Amino acid sequence: MTTHIVLWKLADPAKKAEQAAEMKRRLENLVGQVPGLVSAKVAQGFNGYDVALVSTHESREALALYQEHPAHVAVKQYVHTVVSDRASCDFDAE
């Protein structure tokens, strides 16, 4: 299993709750659409970053395919319109 963690800061403070909820809906709905995506959990942050994603993938190869999958690309297009900063970390679970 490979874990993928992404943290975002949202650009518009007045729309944080709405945009975080929309990101959660879109990202979590990718489970079942993207082969190799085992789980996706999105939550609104309260210290530092505004939104966090923790997803698990069957393998590093599955994570690479997720990055290019059309459904994920469509979600990324939305996300890029509402965020101002991003950080990520990937690792293999033991």
C-alpha atoms as a PDB file:
ATOM      1  CA  MET A   1       0.000   0.000   0.000  1.00  0.00           C
ATOM      2  CA  THR A   2       1.091   3.529  -0.774  1.00  0.00           C
ATOM      3  CA  THR A   3      -0.212   6.513   1.180  1.00  0.00           C
ATOM      4  CA  HIS A   4      -0.614   9.928  -0.459  1.00  0.00           C
ATOM      5  CA  ILE A   5      -1.050  13.006   1.759  1.00  0.00           C
ATOM      6  CA  VAL A   6      -1.829  16.460   0.370  1.00  0.00           C
ATOM      7  CA  LEU A   7      -2.338  19.691   2.308  1.00  0.00           C
ATOM      8  CA  TRP A   8      -3.832  22.850   0.810  1.00  0.00           C
ATOM      9  CA  LYS A   9      -4.359  26.454   1.806  1.00  0.00           C
ATOM     10  CA  LEU A  10      -7.492  27.975   0.322  1.00  0.00           C
ATOM     11  CA  ALA A  11      -7.215  31.341  -1.399  1.00  0.00           C
ATOM     12  CA  ASP A  12     -10.508  32.930  -0.257  1.00  0.00           C
ATOM     13  CA  PRO A  13     -11.073  32.937   3.537  1.00  0.00           C
ATOM     14  CA  ALA A  14     -14.735  33.879   3.083  1.00  0.00           C
ATOM     15  CA  LYS A  15     -15.400  30.671   1.126  1.00  0.00           C
ATOM     16  CA  LYS A  16     -13.285  28.189   3.121  1.00  0.00           C
ATOM     17  CA  ALA A  17     -16.093  26.023   4.463  1.00  0.00           C
ATOM     18  CA  GLU A  18     -17.891  25.840   1.116  1.00  0.00           C
ATOM     19  CA  GLN A  19     -14.746  25.102  -0.897  1.00  0.00           C
ATOM     20  CA  ALA A  20     -13.412  22.572   1.610  1.00  0.00           C
ATOM     21  CA  ALA A  21     -16.738  20.723   1.492  1.00  0.00           C
ATOM     22  CA  GLU A  22     -16.665  20.692  -2.309  1.00  0.00           C
ATOM     23  CA  MET A  23     -13.091  19.392  -2.358  1.00  0.00           C
ATOM     24  CA  LYS A  24     -14.084  16.662   0.115  1.00  0.00           C
ATOM     25  CA  ARG A  25     -17.067  15.625  -2.003  1.00  0.00           C
ATOM     26  CA  ARG A  26     -15.092  15.508  -5.248  1.00  0.00           C
ATOM     27  CA  LEU A  27     -11.992  13.784  -3.893  1.00  0.00           C
ATOM     28  CA  GLU A  28     -13.788  11.156  -1.817  1.00  0.00           C
ATOM     29  CA  ASN A  29     -16.058  10.354  -4.783  1.00  0.00           C
ATOM     30  CA  LEU A  30     -12.998   9.200  -6.728  1.00  0.00           C
ATOM     31  CA  VAL A  31     -13.004   5.961  -4.718  1.00  0.00           C
ATOM     32  CA  GLY A  32     -14.598   3.387  -7.004  1.00  0.00           C
ATOM     33  CA  GLN A  33     -13.890   5.481 -10.097  1.00  0.00           C
ATOM     34  CA  VAL A  34     -10.100   5.281 -10.149  1.00  0.00           C
ATOM     35  CA  PRO A  35      -8.591   1.785 -10.268  1.00  0.00           C
ATOM     36  CA  GLY A  36      -6.099   1.178  -7.466  1.00  0.00           C
ATOM     37  CA  LEU A  37      -7.470   3.950  -5.227  1.00  0.00           C
ATOM     38  CA  VAL A  38      -8.366   2.087  -2.035  1.00  0.00           C
ATOM     39  CA  SER A  39      -9.533   4.964   0.159  1.00  0.00           C
ATOM     40  CA  ALA A  40      -9.676   8.756   0.342  1.00  0.00           C
ATOM     41  CA  LYS A  41     -10.376  10.843   3.430  1.00  0.00           C
ATOM     42  CA  VAL A  42     -10.609  14.629   3.253  1.00  0.00           C
ATOM     43  CA  ALA A  43     -10.989  16.936   6.248  1.00  0.00           C
ATOM     44  CA  GLN A  44     -10.933  20.652   6.924  1.00  0.00           C
ATOM     45  CA  GLY A  45      -7.865  21.654   8.900  1.00  0.00           C
ATOM     46  CA  PHE A  46      -7.760  24.036  11.846  1.00  0.00           C
ATOM     47  CA  ASN A  47      -4.030  24.584  12.289  1.00  0.00           C
ATOM     48  CA  GLY A  48      -1.836  25.579   9.353  1.00  0.00           C
ATOM     49  CA  TYR A  49      -3.387  24.178   6.193  1.00  0.00           C
ATOM     50  CA  ASP A  50      -7.101  24.443   5.426  1.00  0.00           C
ATOM     51  CA  VAL A  51      -7.762  21.063   3.788  1.00  0.00           C
ATOM     52  CA  ALA A  52      -6.040  17.679   4.071  1.00  0.00           C
ATOM     53  CA  LEU A  53      -6.320  14.559   1.911  1.00  0.00           C
ATOM     54  CA  VAL A  54      -5.088  11.151   3.013  1.00  0.00           C
ATOM     55  CA  SER A  55      -5.535   8.510   0.337  1.00  0.00           C
ATOM     56  CA  THR A  56      -4.307   4.954   0.044  1.00  0.00           C
ATOM     57  CA  HIS A  57      -3.395   3.236  -3.199  1.00  0.00           C
ATOM     58  CA  GLU A  58      -2.617  -0.377  -4.017  1.00  0.00           C
ATOM     59  CA  SER A  59       0.950   0.539  -5.039  1.00  0.00           C
ATOM     60  CA  ARG A  60       3.223   3.315  -6.263  1.00  0.00           C
ATOM     61  CA  GLU A  61       2.161   2.405  -9.786  1.00  0.00           C
ATOM     62  CA  ALA A  62      -1.497   2.801  -8.814  1.00  0.00           C
ATOM     63  CA  LEU A  63      -0.696   6.237  -7.366  1.00  0.00           C
ATOM     64  CA  ALA A  64       0.978   7.234 -10.646  1.00  0.00           C
ATOM     65  CA  LEU A  65      -2.087   6.086 -12.598  1.00  0.00           C
ATOM     66  CA  TYR A  66      -4.355   8.005 -10.184  1.00  0.00           C
ATOM     67  CA  GLN A  67      -2.443  11.204 -10.911  1.00  0.00           C
ATOM     68  CA  GLU A  68      -3.240  10.913 -14.643  1.00  0.00           C
ATOM     69  CA  HIS A  69      -6.741   9.409 -14.436  1.00  0.00           C
ATOM     70  CA  PRO A  70      -9.291  11.698 -16.178  1.00  0.00           C
ATOM     71  CA  ALA A  71     -11.604  11.782 -13.132  1.00  0.00           C
ATOM     72  CA  HIS A  72      -8.728  12.903 -10.893  1.00  0.00           C
ATOM     73  CA  VAL A  73      -7.496  15.418 -13.461  1.00  0.00           C
ATOM     74  CA  ALA A  74     -10.979  16.988 -13.475  1.00  0.00           C
ATOM     75  CA  VAL A  75     -10.897  17.303  -9.672  1.00  0.00           C
ATOM     76  CA  LYS A  76      -7.408  18.848  -9.810  1.00  0.00           C
ATOM     77  CA  GLN A  77      -8.674  21.453 -12.267  1.00  0.00           C
ATOM     78  CA  TYR A  78     -11.273  22.576  -9.715  1.00  0.00           C
ATOM     79  CA  VAL A  79      -8.809  22.461  -6.816  1.00  0.00           C
ATOM     80  CA  HIS A  80      -6.314  24.649  -8.667  1.00  0.00           C
ATOM     81  CA  THR A  81      -8.981  27.372  -8.937  1.00  0.00           C
ATOM     82  CA  VAL A  82      -9.496  27.638  -5.158  1.00  0.00           C
ATOM     83  CA  VAL A  83      -6.104  27.015  -3.516  1.00  0.00           C
ATOM     84  CA  SER A  84      -3.125  29.254  -2.905  1.00  0.00           C
ATOM     85  CA  ASP A  85      -0.591  26.715  -1.591  1.00  0.00           C
ATOM     86  CA  ARG A  86      -0.023  22.962  -1.556  1.00  0.00           C
ATOM     87  CA  ALA A  87       2.259  20.448   0.134  1.00  0.00           C
ATOM     88  CA  SER A  88       2.373  16.688  -0.281  1.00  0.00           C
ATOM     89  CA  CYS A  89       4.098  13.547   0.954  1.00  0.00           C
ATOM     90  CA  ASP A  90       3.901   9.964  -0.284  1.00  0.00           C
ATOM     91  CA  PHE A  91       5.126   6.841   1.470  1.00  0.00           C
ATOM     92  CA  ASP A  92       4.843   3.070   1.362  1.00  0.00           C
ATOM     93  CA  ALA A  93       3.082   1.464   4.291  1.00  0.00           C
ATOM     94  CA  GLU A  94       4.806  -1.457   5.958  1.00  0.00           C
END
